[in-house]
Amino acid sequence: MKNGKLQVAVIGCGGIANSKHFPALTSQTDKCEIVAFCDIIVERAEKAAKEYGTPDAKVYEDYQELLKDPEIDVVHVCTPNVAHCPITVAAFEAGKHVLCEKPMAATTEDAEKMMAAWRKSGKKFTIGYQNRFRTDAQMLKRACEEGKLGDIYFAKAHAVRRRAVPTWGVFPDKSKQGGGSLIDIGTHALDITLWCMDNYKPVSVTGSVFEKLGHLPEAAEGNMFGPWDTNTFEVEDSAFGFIKMEDGTTIFLESAWALNVKDSREAATTLCGTRGGAEMVGGMSAEGYDLVFNQTTGGVLTEEHISDAGAIAYFEGSTGSTPEVKECEQWLTAILGDKDPLVKPEQAFVVTQILDKIYQSAATGKEVKL
């Protein structure tokens, strides 16, 4: 630390760093300052350093050189998925705390290496699942902890877009990302679902992966981010998983960048318990939030809607920080206070493990045991 502040380095200065990490970190000037920037396209790192860094911020093209700086306390890994493992492992070996963007890794094998390096380092480790910090996710988690739903035995993890295929960066490149919609947005939905249930013991996975619309030029019309290149589209456009847990709980995971459905529903979950159920309507794909609890009240089936605007006198809607800022604040506070971050590595590891097995099941056509 320097001047009572954590010295932060960001490796990977592309889209997620600029849209999420840099604004969040610069909102926490009482806790940290960004002193190093690294990217294989060095111009991106130079631009980020000028906009977000300290006056003497350093710029690197090679992350190994950055990690040699003993003054750096914290590293944020914001690279394509397949690079998460080697950079995170090297950062732990260099004695740094690490926030790695979701998912933890592209494969279970890589995630195991990251977990081993973390345990050996004695440093803090978390994964960028900022959707846990949404108001509706926090309310649902608390309701589950208080027993509002009873014993939760069935769930759906939703990550479905009608047409929102990312057309920038390396998203369609399987060699760099490891997959498409499942590993990109399915990971958020599964994380929220497992976290709310507090159930991290999968025993079997069955999966289906589809590359149907990604190669059809006519399917690319109407895409939220503009038409994608069907000739270079190497990953799945949709994927689905059927997951059984040790206690018999069953989860259905749906993920799609492009699927011919009427509505989108992303980073959302449906939970069904013995006392009641709950649904995130829309999730992060909707304006605001709508969390619906369904139960039986006085012998009548009822619904309880909790939303962030308009229904209560003198209350115009929720206020406060964005989920990204809340994530960053609690992460830095966890380091400074020597506490566990909200997103624990063991939890994120199970998410990667399940996603990996869905791909494996789809490739073999068989159920995969864990």
Protein backbone atom coordinates (compact mmCIF):
# COMPACT_ATOMS: atom_id res chain seq x y z
CA MET A 1 0.00 0.00 0.00
CA LYS A 2 0.99 3.58 -0.61
CA ASN A 3 -0.49 6.65 1.08
CA GLY A 4 -2.95 4.33 2.81
CA LYS A 5 -4.37 3.15 -0.52
CA LEU A 6 -4.25 -0.16 -2.34
CA GLN A 7 -2.14 -0.02 -5.51
CA VAL A 8 -4.17 -1.63 -8.30
CA ALA A 9 -3.09 -2.94 -11.71
CA VAL A 10 -5.46 -3.86 -14.54
CA ILE A 11 -4.43 -6.49 -17.06
CA GLY A 12 -6.56 -6.28 -20.19
CA CYS A 13 -7.77 -2.78 -21.09
CA GLY A 14 -10.60 -3.68 -23.47
CA GLY A 15 -14.39 -3.53 -23.23
CA ILE A 16 -15.05 -4.95 -19.76
CA ALA A 17 -12.24 -2.94 -18.20
CA ASN A 18 -13.53 0.32 -19.66
CA SER A 19 -17.22 -0.30 -19.06
CA LYS A 20 -16.95 -1.80 -15.58
CA HIS A 21 -13.58 -1.89 -13.82
CA PHE A 22 -12.11 1.53 -14.51
CA PRO A 23 -15.27 3.48 -13.54
CA ALA A 24 -15.77 1.29 -10.45
CA LEU A 25 -12.17 1.58 -9.27
CA THR A 26 -12.05 5.34 -9.80
CA SER A 27 -15.18 5.66 -7.62
CA GLN A 28 -13.17 4.27 -4.70
CA THR A 29 -10.46 6.93 -4.44
CA ASP A 30 -10.40 6.61 -0.65
CA LYS A 31 -9.38 2.96 -0.93
CA CYS A 32 -7.27 2.59 -4.07
CA GLU A 33 -5.55 4.08 -7.06
CA ILE A 34 -4.81 2.52 -10.44
CA VAL A 35 -1.06 2.56 -10.97
CA ALA A 36 -0.45 0.07 -13.79
CA PHE A 37 -2.13 -0.85 -17.06
CA CYS A 38 -1.35 -3.77 -19.36
CA ASP A 39 -2.64 -4.83 -22.75
CA ILE A 40 -1.23 -6.72 -25.74
CA ILE A 41 -2.42 -3.69 -27.75
CA VAL A 42 -0.28 -1.23 -25.87
CA GLU A 43 -2.16 1.81 -27.23
CA ARG A 44 -5.23 0.71 -25.27
CA ALA A 45 -3.22 0.58 -22.08
CA GLU A 46 -1.73 4.01 -22.77
CA LYS A 47 -5.18 5.51 -23.36
CA ALA A 48 -6.54 3.95 -20.15
CA ALA A 49 -3.56 5.19 -18.14
CA LYS A 50 -4.19 8.77 -19.26
CA GLU A 51 -7.90 8.57 -18.43
CA TYR A 52 -7.89 6.59 -15.20
CA GLY A 53 -4.38 6.26 -13.84
CA THR A 54 -2.25 8.17 -11.39
CA PRO A 55 0.09 10.78 -12.90
CA ASP A 56 2.98 8.32 -12.71
CA ALA A 57 0.98 5.25 -13.81
CA LYS A 58 3.00 2.67 -15.72
CA VAL A 59 2.05 1.00 -19.00
CA TYR A 60 2.98 -2.56 -19.96
CA GLU A 61 2.61 -4.86 -22.93
CA ASP A 62 3.80 -7.93 -21.00
CA TYR A 63 1.92 -8.82 -17.81
CA GLN A 64 4.95 -10.70 -16.46
CA GLU A 65 6.86 -7.42 -16.35
CA LEU A 66 3.97 -5.71 -14.56
CA LEU A 67 3.86 -8.42 -11.89
CA LYS A 68 7.50 -7.78 -10.98
CA ASP A 69 6.54 -4.44 -9.42
CA PRO A 70 6.52 -5.03 -5.63
CA GLU A 71 4.38 -1.96 -4.98
CA ILE A 72 1.33 -3.44 -6.76
CA ASP A 73 -1.11 -4.94 -4.24
CA VAL A 74 -4.09 -5.93 -6.37
CA VAL A 75 -4.53 -7.20 -9.92
CA HIS A 76 -7.75 -7.17 -11.93
CA VAL A 77 -7.68 -9.72 -14.75
CA CYS A 78 -9.90 -8.48 -17.60
CA THR A 79 -8.69 -10.61 -20.51
CA PRO A 80 -10.38 -13.21 -22.75
CA ASN A 81 -11.38 -16.35 -20.86
CA VAL A 82 -8.52 -18.66 -21.85
CA ALA A 83 -5.97 -16.17 -20.48
CA HIS A 84 -7.54 -16.06 -17.00
CA CYS A 85 -5.61 -19.05 -15.72
CA PRO A 86 -1.98 -18.22 -16.59
CA ILE A 87 -2.31 -14.57 -15.56
CA THR A 88 -4.09 -15.31 -12.29
CA VAL A 89 -1.62 -18.05 -11.35
CA ALA A 90 1.31 -15.74 -12.10
CA ALA A 91 -0.28 -12.92 -10.08
CA PHE A 92 -0.65 -15.15 -7.02
CA GLU A 93 2.92 -16.36 -7.39
CA ALA A 94 3.94 -12.69 -7.39
CA GLY A 95 2.05 -12.11 -4.13
CA LYS A 96 -0.92 -10.11 -5.44
CA HIS A 97 -4.61 -10.17 -4.55
CA VAL A 98 -6.69 -11.06 -7.64
CA LEU A 99 -10.11 -10.16 -8.96
CA CYS A 100 -10.60 -12.16 -12.15
CA GLU A 101 -13.46 -11.47 -14.51
CA LYS A 102 -16.09 -14.17 -14.94
CA PRO A 103 -15.97 -17.03 -15.56
CA MET A 104 -13.11 -18.25 -13.40
CA ALA A 105 -11.67 -20.22 -16.31
CA ALA A 106 -12.52 -21.82 -19.63
CA THR A 107 -12.01 -25.35 -18.27
CA THR A 108 -12.13 -27.20 -14.97
CA GLU A 109 -8.44 -28.04 -15.32
CA ASP A 110 -7.49 -24.37 -15.55
CA ALA A 111 -9.77 -23.49 -12.63
CA GLU A 112 -8.06 -26.15 -10.49
CA LYS A 113 -4.68 -24.56 -11.22
CA MET A 114 -6.02 -21.17 -10.18
CA MET A 115 -7.47 -22.56 -6.96
CA ALA A 116 -4.18 -24.26 -6.08
CA ALA A 117 -2.19 -21.07 -6.69
CA TRP A 118 -4.64 -19.04 -4.60
CA ARG A 119 -4.53 -21.43 -1.64
CA LYS A 120 -0.74 -21.40 -1.69
CA SER A 121 -0.54 -17.60 -1.89
CA GLY A 122 -2.56 -16.63 1.17
CA LYS A 123 -4.01 -13.70 -0.80
CA LYS A 124 -7.61 -12.68 -1.54
CA PHE A 125 -9.35 -14.05 -4.64
CA THR A 126 -12.74 -13.32 -6.19
CA ILE A 127 -14.53 -13.57 -9.53
CA GLY A 128 -16.47 -10.76 -11.23
CA TYR A 129 -20.08 -11.80 -10.70
CA GLN A 130 -21.44 -8.29 -10.18
CA ASN A 131 -25.06 -9.38 -10.66
CA ARG A 132 -25.06 -10.65 -7.08
CA PHE A 133 -25.00 -6.99 -6.06
CA ARG A 134 -28.23 -6.08 -7.85
CA THR A 135 -31.03 -5.10 -5.46
CA ASP A 136 -33.32 -7.93 -6.57
CA ALA A 137 -30.55 -10.52 -6.17
CA GLN A 138 -29.75 -9.27 -2.67
CA MET A 139 -33.44 -9.37 -1.69
CA LEU A 140 -33.92 -12.87 -3.08
CA LYS A 141 -30.81 -14.16 -1.33
CA ARG A 142 -32.05 -12.77 2.00
CA ALA A 143 -35.51 -14.28 1.46
CA CYS A 144 -33.91 -17.68 0.84
CA GLU A 145 -31.78 -17.37 3.98
CA GLU A 146 -34.88 -16.48 6.01
CA GLY A 147 -36.71 -19.57 4.73
CA LYS A 148 -39.37 -17.71 2.76
CA LEU A 149 -39.31 -20.36 0.02
CA GLY A 150 -38.77 -23.37 2.27
CA ASP A 151 -36.76 -26.26 0.84
CA ILE A 152 -35.75 -25.25 -2.72
CA TYR A 153 -35.70 -28.34 -4.89
CA PHE A 154 -36.11 -27.02 -8.45
CA ALA A 155 -34.66 -23.99 -10.21
CA LYS A 156 -34.23 -22.43 -13.64
CA ALA A 157 -31.22 -20.29 -14.51
CA HIS A 158 -32.12 -17.85 -17.29
CA ALA A 159 -29.67 -16.24 -19.73
CA VAL A 160 -31.62 -15.84 -22.96
CA ARG A 161 -31.40 -13.05 -25.50
CA ARG A 162 -33.57 -12.88 -28.58
CA ARG A 163 -30.87 -11.14 -30.62
CA ALA A 164 -27.90 -9.70 -28.74
CA VAL A 165 -24.80 -11.39 -30.11
CA PRO A 166 -21.66 -9.44 -29.09
CA THR A 167 -19.89 -8.39 -32.26
CA TRP A 168 -16.78 -6.79 -30.76
CA GLY A 169 -13.57 -8.17 -29.34
CA VAL A 170 -13.01 -11.93 -29.42
CA PHE A 171 -16.45 -13.18 -28.38
CA PRO A 172 -16.98 -15.38 -31.48
CA ASP A 173 -13.42 -16.79 -31.23
CA LYS A 174 -13.52 -20.20 -29.53
CA SER A 175 -9.74 -20.41 -29.14
CA LYS A 176 -9.76 -17.30 -26.93
CA GLN A 177 -13.13 -17.53 -25.18
CA GLY A 178 -13.65 -21.26 -24.88
CA GLY A 179 -17.28 -21.00 -25.91
CA GLY A 180 -20.17 -18.68 -26.66
CA SER A 181 -23.39 -17.81 -24.85
CA LEU A 182 -23.02 -20.48 -22.16
CA ILE A 183 -19.64 -19.37 -20.86
CA ASP A 184 -20.40 -15.68 -21.43
CA ILE A 185 -23.87 -15.08 -19.97
CA GLY A 186 -24.99 -18.52 -18.80
CA THR A 187 -22.31 -18.22 -16.14
CA HIS A 188 -24.08 -15.23 -14.50
CA ALA A 189 -27.45 -16.99 -14.34
CA LEU A 190 -25.96 -20.14 -12.87
CA ASP A 191 -23.97 -18.16 -10.30
CA ILE A 192 -27.06 -16.33 -9.03
CA THR A 193 -29.06 -19.57 -8.87
CA LEU A 194 -26.47 -21.57 -6.93
CA TRP A 195 -25.76 -18.64 -4.62
CA CYS A 196 -29.41 -18.03 -3.70
CA MET A 197 -29.92 -21.74 -3.02
CA ASP A 198 -26.53 -22.06 -1.28
CA ASN A 199 -26.16 -25.41 -3.02
CA TYR A 200 -22.76 -26.24 -4.50
CA LYS A 201 -22.71 -30.03 -4.77
CA PRO A 202 -23.49 -31.11 -8.36
CA VAL A 203 -23.40 -34.83 -9.14
CA SER A 204 -24.40 -35.03 -12.82
CA VAL A 205 -24.83 -32.81 -15.86
CA THR A 206 -26.53 -33.32 -19.22
CA GLY A 207 -26.11 -30.67 -21.89
CA SER A 208 -27.09 -29.61 -25.40
CA VAL A 209 -25.15 -27.03 -27.39
CA PHE A 210 -26.38 -25.49 -30.66
CA GLU A 211 -24.61 -23.67 -33.47
CA LYS A 212 -27.73 -22.91 -35.47
CA LEU A 213 -28.25 -19.16 -35.93
CA GLY A 214 -24.65 -18.01 -35.76
CA HIS A 215 -23.97 -19.19 -39.30
CA LEU A 216 -27.16 -17.87 -40.91
CA PRO A 217 -26.79 -14.41 -42.49
CA GLU A 218 -30.53 -13.78 -42.25
CA ALA A 219 -30.44 -14.55 -38.50
CA ALA A 220 -27.95 -11.73 -37.94
CA GLU A 221 -30.52 -9.13 -39.00
CA GLY A 222 -31.96 -7.14 -36.14
CA ASN A 223 -29.09 -7.94 -33.78
CA MET A 224 -28.83 -5.40 -30.98
CA PHE A 225 -25.11 -4.86 -31.65
CA GLY A 226 -25.33 -4.96 -35.44
CA PRO A 227 -24.93 -7.95 -37.78
CA TRP A 228 -22.21 -10.43 -36.89
CA ASP A 229 -19.80 -12.09 -39.32
CA THR A 230 -21.27 -15.53 -39.93
CA ASN A 231 -18.01 -16.72 -41.53
CA THR A 232 -15.93 -16.18 -38.38
CA PHE A 233 -18.56 -17.26 -35.84
CA GLU A 234 -16.96 -20.27 -34.11
CA VAL A 235 -18.99 -20.70 -30.91
CA GLU A 236 -22.46 -21.79 -29.88
CA ASP A 237 -25.35 -19.35 -30.13
CA SER A 238 -27.36 -21.28 -27.51
CA ALA A 239 -26.80 -24.01 -24.93
CA PHE A 240 -28.87 -25.78 -22.30
CA GLY A 241 -28.02 -27.86 -19.26
CA PHE A 242 -29.83 -30.21 -16.87
CA ILE A 243 -28.02 -30.34 -13.53
CA LYS A 244 -28.68 -32.66 -10.60
CA MET A 245 -27.32 -31.88 -7.16
CA GLU A 246 -26.28 -34.25 -4.38
CA ASP A 247 -29.51 -33.68 -2.42
CA GLY A 248 -31.69 -34.29 -5.50
CA THR A 249 -32.24 -30.63 -6.35
CA THR A 250 -32.58 -30.12 -10.10
CA ILE A 251 -31.55 -27.05 -12.10
CA PHE A 252 -32.34 -26.24 -15.72
CA LEU A 253 -29.93 -23.75 -17.30
CA GLU A 254 -30.82 -21.93 -20.52
CA SER A 255 -28.43 -19.62 -22.33
CA ALA A 256 -28.57 -17.95 -25.74
CA TRP A 257 -27.17 -14.93 -27.50
CA ALA A 258 -29.71 -15.51 -30.25
CA LEU A 259 -32.90 -17.56 -29.90
CA ASN A 260 -36.28 -17.18 -31.57
CA VAL A 261 -38.28 -16.39 -28.45
CA LYS A 262 -40.50 -13.41 -27.70
CA ASP A 263 -38.80 -12.13 -24.55
CA SER A 264 -35.26 -11.83 -23.23
CA ARG A 265 -34.35 -12.89 -19.73
CA GLU A 266 -30.76 -12.57 -18.57
CA ALA A 267 -28.86 -13.08 -15.31
CA ALA A 268 -32.12 -14.20 -13.75
CA THR A 269 -33.39 -17.17 -11.79
CA THR A 270 -36.62 -18.98 -10.93
CA LEU A 271 -36.66 -20.84 -7.61
CA CYS A 272 -39.29 -23.33 -6.47
CA GLY A 273 -39.50 -24.40 -2.84
CA THR A 274 -41.85 -26.16 -0.46
CA ARG A 275 -43.25 -22.91 0.99
CA GLY A 276 -43.24 -20.76 -2.12
CA GLY A 277 -41.48 -19.72 -5.28
CA ALA A 278 -39.70 -16.68 -6.66
CA GLU A 279 -38.90 -15.32 -10.10
CA MET A 280 -36.65 -12.58 -11.34
CA VAL A 281 -38.61 -11.11 -14.23
CA GLY A 282 -36.24 -9.88 -16.90
CA GLY A 283 -33.16 -9.78 -14.68
CA MET A 284 -30.46 -7.53 -16.10
CA SER A 285 -32.20 -7.51 -19.51
CA ALA A 286 -35.04 -5.35 -18.17
CA GLU A 287 -35.30 -1.73 -17.11
CA GLY A 288 -35.30 -1.69 -13.33
CA TYR A 289 -36.27 -4.91 -11.59
CA ASP A 290 -39.34 -6.97 -10.80
CA LEU A 291 -38.99 -9.74 -8.24
CA VAL A 292 -42.09 -11.89 -7.83
CA PHE A 293 -42.79 -14.19 -4.88
CA ASN A 294 -45.62 -16.68 -5.28
CA GLN A 295 -47.18 -18.49 -2.38
CA THR A 296 -50.43 -19.49 -0.72
CA THR A 297 -51.98 -16.91 1.62
CA GLY A 298 -55.19 -17.65 3.52
CA GLY A 299 -55.97 -20.56 1.24
CA VAL A 300 -55.57 -18.43 -1.89
CA LEU A 301 -52.73 -18.46 -4.43
CA THR A 302 -51.09 -15.03 -4.31
CA GLU A 303 -48.26 -13.09 -5.92
CA GLU A 304 -46.08 -10.50 -4.26
CA HIS A 305 -44.34 -8.10 -6.67
CA ILE A 306 -41.34 -6.12 -5.50
CA SER A 307 -40.14 -3.51 -7.97
CA ASP A 308 -37.98 -0.42 -7.86
CA ALA A 309 -40.43 2.29 -8.82
CA GLY A 310 -43.83 3.79 -8.45
CA ALA A 311 -45.89 1.46 -6.29
CA ILE A 312 -45.31 3.00 -2.86
CA ALA A 313 -46.16 6.54 -1.81
CA TYR A 314 -43.15 8.85 -1.45
CA PHE A 315 -40.90 6.19 -2.99
CA GLU A 316 -39.80 6.93 -6.53
CA GLY A 317 -37.40 4.04 -6.90
CA SER A 318 -34.19 2.61 -5.56
CA THR A 319 -31.13 4.79 -5.23
CA GLY A 320 -27.50 4.13 -4.60
CA SER A 321 -24.48 2.70 -6.37
CA THR A 322 -24.52 0.43 -9.38
CA PRO A 323 -23.84 -3.30 -8.89
CA GLU A 324 -20.40 -2.81 -10.43
CA VAL A 325 -19.46 -0.12 -7.92
CA LYS A 326 -20.86 -2.15 -5.01
CA GLU A 327 -18.83 -5.15 -6.16
CA CYS A 328 -15.63 -3.10 -6.29
CA GLU A 329 -16.26 -1.45 -2.93
CA GLN A 330 -16.83 -4.72 -1.07
CA TRP A 331 -13.82 -6.33 -2.78
CA LEU A 332 -11.44 -3.58 -1.71
CA THR A 333 -13.01 -3.51 1.77
CA ALA A 334 -12.49 -7.27 2.07
CA ILE A 335 -8.79 -6.85 1.34
CA LEU A 336 -8.35 -3.91 3.71
CA GLY A 337 -10.34 -5.60 6.47
CA ASP A 338 -8.95 -9.10 5.87
CA LYS A 339 -12.42 -10.56 5.25
CA ASP A 340 -13.82 -12.95 2.67
CA PRO A 341 -15.24 -11.34 -0.48
CA LEU A 342 -18.91 -12.01 -1.28
CA VAL A 343 -18.04 -14.13 -4.32
CA LYS A 344 -15.91 -16.93 -2.90
CA PRO A 345 -13.47 -18.82 -5.16
CA GLU A 346 -14.93 -22.19 -4.15
CA GLN A 347 -18.35 -21.07 -5.40
CA ALA A 348 -17.06 -19.72 -8.71
CA PHE A 349 -15.12 -22.94 -9.23
CA VAL A 350 -18.33 -24.99 -9.16
CA VAL A 351 -19.89 -22.69 -11.77
CA THR A 352 -16.95 -23.27 -14.12
CA GLN A 353 -17.04 -26.99 -13.40
CA ILE A 354 -20.73 -27.26 -14.37
CA LEU A 355 -20.33 -25.17 -17.53
CA ASP A 356 -17.37 -27.30 -18.58
CA LYS A 357 -19.39 -30.48 -18.08
CA ILE A 358 -22.31 -29.14 -20.14
CA TYR A 359 -19.92 -28.70 -23.06
CA GLN A 360 -18.50 -32.17 -22.42
CA SER A 361 -21.94 -33.75 -22.28
CA ALA A 362 -23.02 -32.05 -25.49
CA ALA A 363 -19.86 -33.25 -27.27
CA THR A 364 -20.28 -36.87 -26.14
CA GLY A 365 -24.05 -37.07 -26.13
CA LYS A 366 -23.91 -38.57 -22.63
CA GLU A 367 -24.61 -37.59 -19.06
CA VAL A 368 -21.44 -36.54 -17.24
CA LYS A 369 -20.88 -37.51 -13.62
CA LEU A 370 -18.94 -35.22 -11.29
